[in-house]
Protein backbone atom coordinates (compact mmCIF):
# COMPACT_ATOMS: atom_id res chain seq x y z
CA MET A 1 5.74 2.20 5.25
CA LYS A 2 9.24 2.22 6.73
CA GLY A 3 9.32 -0.15 9.70
CA SER A 4 6.44 -2.29 8.40
CA TYR A 5 6.67 -6.07 8.33
CA ILE A 6 6.79 -7.29 4.74
CA SER A 7 5.90 -10.91 4.01
CA LEU A 8 9.04 -12.59 2.73
CA SER A 9 7.03 -14.83 0.42
CA ALA A 10 4.87 -13.79 -2.51
CA THR A 11 2.36 -15.48 -4.77
CA ASP A 12 1.96 -15.19 -8.53
CA ASN A 13 -1.16 -13.07 -7.92
CA ILE A 14 0.73 -9.77 -7.77
CA GLY A 15 1.72 -7.64 -10.74
CA ASP A 16 5.18 -7.38 -12.20
CA ASN A 17 5.53 -3.82 -10.88
CA ILE A 18 4.92 -5.07 -7.32
CA VAL A 19 7.39 -7.93 -7.77
CA LYS A 20 9.97 -5.43 -9.02
CA ALA A 21 9.32 -3.08 -6.08
CA ARG A 22 9.68 -5.96 -3.62
CA ASN A 23 12.94 -7.07 -5.24
CA GLU A 24 14.36 -3.55 -5.14
CA ALA A 25 13.16 -2.67 -1.63
CA ASN A 26 15.49 -2.55 1.34
CA ILE A 27 14.00 -5.34 3.51
CA ASP A 28 16.02 -6.97 6.29
CA GLU A 29 16.21 -10.72 6.96
CA ASN A 30 13.28 -10.45 9.39
CA GLY A 31 11.00 -8.84 6.81
CA ILE A 32 11.25 -5.28 8.18
CA LEU A 33 11.15 -2.55 5.53
CA LEU A 34 14.12 -0.26 6.14
CA ASP A 35 13.16 2.55 3.73
CA ASP A 36 9.87 4.09 2.65
CA VAL A 37 8.33 2.81 -0.56
CA PHE A 38 5.60 4.85 -2.23
CA PHE A 39 2.69 3.66 -4.36
CA ALA A 40 0.01 5.52 -6.29
CA LYS A 41 -2.77 3.19 -5.16
CA PRO A 42 -3.60 1.59 -1.79
CA SER A 43 -3.99 -1.86 -3.34
CA GLN A 44 -0.45 -1.72 -4.70
CA ALA A 45 0.88 -0.93 -1.23
CA SER A 46 -1.19 -3.71 0.31
CA GLN A 47 0.02 -6.25 -2.25
CA PHE A 48 3.60 -5.15 -1.64
CA VAL A 49 3.23 -5.77 2.09
CA ILE A 50 1.39 -9.10 2.06
CA GLY A 51 2.80 -10.53 -1.17
CA ASN A 52 -0.61 -11.49 -2.47
CA SER A 53 -3.53 -9.94 -4.31
CA SER A 54 -5.57 -7.71 -2.03
CA ASN A 55 -7.88 -4.74 -1.91
CA GLY A 56 -5.91 -1.99 -0.24
CA TRP A 57 -9.05 0.08 0.36
CA LYS A 58 -10.25 -2.65 2.73
CA GLU A 59 -6.97 -4.14 3.99
CA ARG A 60 -5.00 -1.00 4.82
CA LYS A 61 -6.01 0.83 7.98
CA THR A 62 -5.31 4.16 9.54
CA GLU A 63 -3.76 4.48 12.99
CA ASP A 64 -7.27 4.63 14.47
CA SER A 65 -8.22 1.32 12.74
CA ARG A 66 -10.48 2.76 10.04
CA THR A 67 -10.16 1.25 6.59
CA LEU A 68 -9.26 3.53 3.73
CA ALA A 69 -12.67 2.74 2.24
CA GLU A 70 -14.26 4.31 5.31
CA ILE A 71 -12.44 7.60 4.76
CA LYS A 72 -12.28 7.54 0.95
CA PRO A 73 -15.43 9.62 0.35
CA LYS A 74 -14.02 12.41 2.52
CA GLN A 75 -10.69 12.25 0.68
CA GLU A 76 -12.39 12.42 -2.73
CA LEU A 77 -14.43 15.44 -1.67
CA LEU A 78 -11.30 17.21 -0.44
CA TYR A 79 -9.50 16.36 -3.67
CA GLU A 80 -12.38 17.73 -5.73
CA LEU A 81 -12.49 20.93 -3.71
CA ILE A 82 -8.76 21.52 -4.06
CA TYR A 83 -7.99 20.29 -7.57
CA GLU A 84 -11.19 20.68 -9.56
CA VAL A 85 -10.52 22.68 -12.68
CA LYS A 86 -13.24 25.20 -13.45
């Protein structure tokens, strides 16, 4: 996420953990994120960036403009193949 534009304003629709992450993040005066910030869920990352409630599976996109929801089934299958305990 380093180099991403982060909205400098935020609504009350984001969780306390996102507010805390935004307050602790290294963001310059123009809203550019200077260090990577990591989240467990796409919606958390999306809320961090836009400062409002959002569905990261639909809002976040890959470099080739596909939503995460479009690639999610493939990711889940890969996860199951690699990490499934038998």
